Amino acid sequence: MNTSVSLTLLKICPIHKAVEISYSKRRDTVEFGVQSNVIQRASRRSSKDARPVFEELSGALPRDAFAPMIDDLDKTLAALLRRELAPGLSEQIQVSFEAPDDRFPPQSVTTPAVDLFLYDVRENLELRSNDVELEKHENGIALRRFMPVRVDASYLITAWPREGIANPAEDEHRLLGEVMRVLLRYRTLPQDLLHGTLAASELPLPVSALQPGRLQSLGEFWQAMGGKPKAAINYTVTLSIDVAAPQEVYLVKERIFHFDEMAYKGG
């Protein structure tokens, strides 16, 4: 009698797809489980009946799960400046996130002001990871977590002195110097200042200041803004974004084999 076992190994790829590798030996289900990053399922059945046995378990997070993240980052940076700048200065300045164009400051902004213009958001490819974490539980179920996507948010920071003073450039440089001192004080955003969705991040949020920015030409940038060139600080925060919800998977607890004695004897 022609009998066979079909063993199917399904390995999770970085893009959450399944790659099927199978060969035949016998019939009926033997086991289903997860070991490391591999989901295994062995089926004892006819090789003619070999069908994919894996159903993709990955699920995306709700669309609004990280929608407020940029707003939370703005609030965190504003709180950092208000707390770390000298008391007298902190009470005087306004933190703005408007475009520093030829109409700055708008009516909503009162000088002196510090403006943090978000000009670039992109994935940090150097920190990209396709690893998968497996958190095992005693009930035989494991929680599979995909590594978060790391995203760089880059700001151009400028200082705007009070209007009508005798030496605006001197006041601007003094204010920008105080802001620079605050930004260089931390290598990651302080945990106690993180707002909203940022507070739930399991990874620290590294920052970099006074590094080359994403702008190809500052001259072209200021020309596009329609304003005069100003001294500015490049500041980048690396966010951690969970784009897939954790998944429950079943672990192999025991191996059970069933043999057809009559088929084995050739009856």
Protein backbone atom coordinates (compact mmCIF):
# COMPACT_ATOMS: atom_id res chain seq x y z
CA MET A 1 0.00 0.00 0.00
CA ASN A 2 1.30 3.44 -0.93
CA THR A 3 1.40 5.42 2.32
CA SER A 4 3.26 8.62 3.14
CA VAL A 5 3.99 11.27 5.75
CA SER A 6 4.12 14.91 4.68
CA LEU A 7 6.41 17.08 6.83
CA THR A 8 6.03 20.80 6.31
CA LEU A 9 8.40 23.39 7.77
CA LEU A 10 7.26 26.98 7.64
CA LYS A 11 9.74 29.70 8.51
CA ILE A 12 8.65 33.27 9.11
CA CYS A 13 10.34 35.62 6.69
CA PRO A 14 11.24 39.25 7.57
CA ILE A 15 8.16 40.47 5.72
CA HIS A 16 5.89 38.15 7.71
CA LYS A 17 5.33 35.68 4.88
CA ALA A 18 5.59 31.90 5.03
CA VAL A 19 8.07 29.81 3.07
CA GLU A 20 6.97 26.19 2.71
CA ILE A 21 9.46 23.30 2.50
CA SER A 22 7.89 19.84 2.41
CA TYR A 23 8.65 16.19 1.76
CA SER A 24 6.54 13.04 1.98
CA LYS A 25 6.64 9.91 4.17
CA ARG A 26 3.22 8.98 5.65
CA ARG A 27 -0.30 10.14 6.83
CA ASP A 28 -2.21 12.02 9.56
CA THR A 29 -1.18 14.92 11.80
CA VAL A 30 1.92 14.46 13.97
CA GLU A 31 2.68 17.85 15.57
CA PHE A 32 2.23 21.56 15.39
CA GLY A 33 4.43 24.04 17.23
CA VAL A 34 6.88 26.87 17.41
CA GLN A 35 10.59 26.56 18.11
CA SER A 36 12.73 29.72 17.90
CA ASN A 37 11.52 31.53 14.79
CA VAL A 38 10.29 28.41 12.99
CA ILE A 39 6.73 27.13 12.92
CA GLN A 40 6.65 23.40 12.29
CA ARG A 41 3.80 21.19 11.33
CA ALA A 42 4.10 17.55 10.29
CA SER A 43 1.15 15.86 8.66
CA ARG A 44 0.69 12.20 7.90
CA ARG A 45 -1.37 12.19 4.76
CA SER A 46 -1.22 11.30 1.10
CA SER A 47 1.34 13.24 -0.90
CA LYS A 48 -1.41 13.95 -3.43
CA ASP A 49 -3.20 15.84 -0.68
CA ALA A 50 -0.22 18.05 0.14
CA ARG A 51 -1.65 21.54 0.79
CA PRO A 52 -0.27 24.57 2.65
CA VAL A 53 -0.98 24.05 6.34
CA PHE A 54 0.01 27.49 7.64
CA GLU A 55 -2.35 30.39 8.07
CA GLU A 56 -0.62 33.75 8.54
CA LEU A 57 -1.10 34.97 12.09
CA SER A 58 0.34 38.45 11.75
CA GLY A 59 -1.95 41.38 12.37
CA ALA A 60 -1.39 45.06 11.98
CA LEU A 61 -1.96 47.46 14.84
CA PRO A 62 -4.96 49.79 14.59
CA ARG A 63 -4.31 52.72 12.27
CA ASP A 64 -4.57 55.19 15.15
CA ALA A 65 -2.08 53.29 17.35
CA PHE A 66 0.82 55.59 16.42
CA ALA A 67 -0.96 58.46 14.65
CA PRO A 68 -0.33 60.95 17.53
CA MET A 69 3.36 60.03 17.82
CA ILE A 70 4.70 63.16 16.07
CA ASP A 71 2.47 65.37 18.22
CA ASP A 72 3.70 63.55 21.33
CA LEU A 73 7.28 64.14 20.20
CA ASP A 74 6.62 67.88 19.76
CA LYS A 75 5.16 68.06 23.27
CA THR A 76 8.12 66.15 24.69
CA LEU A 77 10.69 68.48 23.12
CA ALA A 78 8.78 71.55 24.27
CA ALA A 79 8.69 70.16 27.82
CA LEU A 80 12.44 69.46 27.66
CA LEU A 81 13.26 73.05 26.72
CA ARG A 82 10.91 74.55 29.30
CA ARG A 83 12.39 72.43 32.07
CA GLU A 84 16.08 72.68 31.20
CA LEU A 85 16.45 76.29 30.13
CA ALA A 86 17.26 78.84 32.83
CA PRO A 87 14.11 79.82 34.79
CA GLY A 88 14.13 83.43 33.66
CA LEU A 89 14.64 82.47 30.02
CA SER A 90 12.22 79.56 30.06
CA GLU A 91 9.39 81.81 31.22
CA GLN A 92 10.03 84.36 28.48
CA ILE A 93 10.31 82.26 25.33
CA GLN A 94 7.62 80.51 23.31
CA VAL A 95 8.30 77.14 21.69
CA SER A 96 6.98 77.00 18.13
CA PHE A 97 6.76 74.31 15.44
CA GLU A 98 5.82 76.59 12.54
CA ALA A 99 7.72 76.80 9.25
CA PRO A 100 10.46 79.49 9.55
CA ASP A 101 9.39 81.31 6.40
CA ASP A 102 9.25 85.00 5.54
CA ARG A 103 5.98 85.35 7.47
CA PHE A 104 7.47 84.11 10.74
CA PRO A 105 6.47 84.81 13.44
CA PRO A 106 2.76 84.24 12.77
CA GLN A 107 0.14 85.85 15.02
CA SER A 108 0.07 82.72 17.19
CA VAL A 109 3.75 83.08 18.11
CA THR A 110 5.18 85.75 20.39
CA THR A 111 8.92 86.48 20.39
CA PRO A 112 11.37 85.69 21.80
CA ALA A 113 10.77 82.19 20.44
CA VAL A 114 12.52 78.93 19.68
CA ASP A 115 11.23 77.27 16.53
CA LEU A 116 11.53 73.52 15.92
CA PHE A 117 10.63 72.88 12.28
CA LEU A 118 10.14 69.19 11.45
CA TYR A 119 11.51 68.94 7.91
CA ASP A 120 12.26 65.23 7.44
CA VAL A 121 10.87 61.87 8.62
CA ARG A 122 12.37 58.60 7.36
CA GLU A 123 13.24 55.06 8.43
CA ASN A 124 16.65 54.53 10.02
CA LEU A 125 17.95 51.69 7.83
CA GLU A 126 21.04 51.14 9.99
CA LEU A 127 18.81 50.08 12.88
CA ARG A 128 16.45 47.92 10.80
CA SER A 129 16.02 44.47 12.33
CA ASN A 130 14.18 41.38 11.11
CA ASP A 131 14.56 39.56 14.43
CA VAL A 132 11.56 38.02 16.15
CA GLU A 133 11.27 37.66 19.92
CA LEU A 134 9.45 34.66 21.39
CA GLU A 135 8.05 35.08 24.90
CA LYS A 136 7.12 31.63 26.26
CA HIS A 137 4.36 31.05 28.81
CA GLU A 138 3.66 28.02 31.02
CA ASN A 139 0.31 27.28 29.37
CA GLY A 140 2.02 26.17 26.15
CA ILE A 141 1.32 29.41 24.33
CA ALA A 142 4.04 31.83 23.28
CA LEU A 143 3.82 35.48 22.33
CA ARG A 144 5.70 36.35 19.16
CA ARG A 145 6.86 39.96 18.85
CA PHE A 146 8.33 41.61 15.79
CA MET A 147 11.02 44.23 16.29
CA PRO A 148 9.80 47.84 15.99
CA VAL A 149 10.66 50.07 13.06
CA ARG A 150 13.14 52.82 13.91
CA VAL A 151 12.27 56.20 12.38
CA ASP A 152 14.36 59.38 12.37
CA ALA A 153 12.50 62.65 12.88
CA SER A 154 14.73 65.61 12.00
CA TYR A 155 14.17 69.19 13.15
CA LEU A 156 15.76 72.47 12.12
CA ILE A 157 15.93 74.65 15.24
CA THR A 158 16.17 78.42 15.04
CA ALA A 159 16.03 81.24 17.61
CA TRP A 160 13.95 84.39 17.13
CA PRO A 161 14.76 87.40 19.34
CA ARG A 162 12.27 89.89 20.65
CA GLU A 163 11.22 92.38 17.99
CA GLY A 164 12.40 95.96 18.28
CA ILE A 165 15.59 95.37 20.32
CA ALA A 166 18.84 97.16 19.45
CA ASN A 167 21.01 94.06 18.81
CA PRO A 168 18.75 91.25 17.50
CA ALA A 169 21.66 89.09 16.24
CA GLU A 170 23.32 89.12 19.66
CA ASP A 171 20.07 88.15 21.37
CA GLU A 172 19.43 85.43 18.76
CA HIS A 173 22.87 83.87 19.23
CA ARG A 174 22.61 83.93 23.01
CA LEU A 175 19.23 82.18 22.87
CA LEU A 176 20.43 79.60 20.34
CA GLY A 177 23.49 78.90 22.50
CA GLU A 178 21.30 78.17 25.54
CA VAL A 179 19.15 75.81 23.47
CA MET A 180 22.26 74.05 22.16
CA ARG A 181 23.50 73.52 25.72
CA VAL A 182 20.21 71.82 26.65
CA LEU A 183 20.12 69.57 23.59
CA LEU A 184 23.71 68.38 24.09
CA ARG A 185 22.95 67.45 27.71
CA TYR A 186 21.07 64.26 26.77
CA ARG A 187 21.90 61.32 24.50
CA THR A 188 18.35 59.99 24.78
CA LEU A 189 15.08 61.74 25.55
CA PRO A 190 14.48 61.74 29.33
CA GLN A 191 11.99 59.03 30.26
CA ASP A 192 10.09 61.25 32.70
CA LEU A 193 9.32 63.79 29.97
CA LEU A 194 7.96 61.41 27.34
CA HIS A 195 4.38 62.18 26.34
CA GLY A 196 1.58 59.86 25.24
CA THR A 197 2.62 57.02 22.96
CA LEU A 198 6.33 57.72 23.50
CA ALA A 199 6.05 56.82 27.18
CA ALA A 200 5.08 53.25 26.21
CA SER A 201 8.21 52.69 24.13
CA GLU A 202 10.32 49.79 25.45
CA LEU A 203 13.44 51.11 23.69
CA PRO A 204 15.23 54.36 24.54
CA LEU A 205 14.82 57.20 22.04
CA PRO A 206 18.32 58.34 21.04
CA VAL A 207 18.96 61.88 19.85
CA SER A 208 21.72 63.61 17.92
CA ALA A 209 22.48 67.32 17.74
CA LEU A 210 24.91 69.39 15.68
CA GLN A 211 25.27 66.60 13.11
CA PRO A 212 24.89 67.03 9.34
CA GLY A 213 21.18 67.30 8.54
CA ARG A 214 19.06 65.82 5.78
CA LEU A 215 18.89 69.11 3.90
CA GLN A 216 21.03 69.03 0.78
CA SER A 217 21.50 72.79 0.79
CA LEU A 218 20.65 75.25 3.56
CA GLY A 219 20.87 78.06 1.04
CA GLU A 220 18.17 76.47 -1.13
CA PHE A 221 16.09 75.79 1.98
CA TRP A 222 16.08 79.43 3.06
CA GLN A 223 15.41 80.49 -0.52
CA ALA A 224 12.39 78.17 -0.60
CA MET A 225 11.21 79.62 2.72
CA GLY A 226 11.47 83.12 1.27
CA GLY A 227 13.44 84.38 4.25
CA LYS A 228 16.98 85.41 5.12
CA PRO A 229 19.52 82.73 6.16
CA LYS A 230 19.75 82.15 9.91
CA ALA A 231 21.97 80.14 12.22
CA ALA A 232 20.25 76.79 12.90
CA ILE A 233 20.76 73.52 14.78
CA ASN A 234 20.04 70.13 13.25
CA TYR A 235 18.40 67.81 15.79
CA THR A 236 17.26 64.24 15.15
CA VAL A 237 15.21 61.91 17.36
CA THR A 238 15.03 58.20 16.57
CA LEU A 239 11.55 56.89 17.30
CA SER A 240 10.52 53.29 17.92
CA ILE A 241 7.28 52.32 16.15
CA ASP A 242 5.49 48.99 16.62
CA VAL A 243 3.79 48.27 13.30
CA ALA A 244 2.54 44.73 14.03
CA ALA A 245 0.56 43.46 16.98
CA PRO A 246 2.03 40.58 19.08
CA GLN A 247 0.80 37.15 18.01
CA GLU A 248 -0.12 34.09 20.07
CA VAL A 249 1.38 30.83 18.78
CA TYR A 250 1.32 27.30 20.19
CA LEU A 251 4.44 25.51 21.40
CA VAL A 252 5.20 21.83 20.88
CA LYS A 253 4.52 20.06 24.19
CA GLU A 254 4.77 16.42 23.08
CA ARG A 255 5.24 14.33 19.97
CA ILE A 256 2.56 11.74 19.18
CA PHE A 257 2.93 9.28 16.28
CA HIS A 258 0.14 6.99 15.01
CA PHE A 259 1.03 3.96 12.90
CA ASP A 260 -1.33 1.90 10.79
CA GLU A 261 -0.25 -1.67 11.67
CA MET A 262 -2.15 -3.23 8.78
CA ALA A 263 -0.60 -0.81 6.31
CA TYR A 264 2.83 -1.43 7.84
CA LYS A 265 2.46 -5.24 7.28
CA GLY A 266 1.28 -4.64 3.77
CA GLY A 267 -2.27 -5.89 4.50
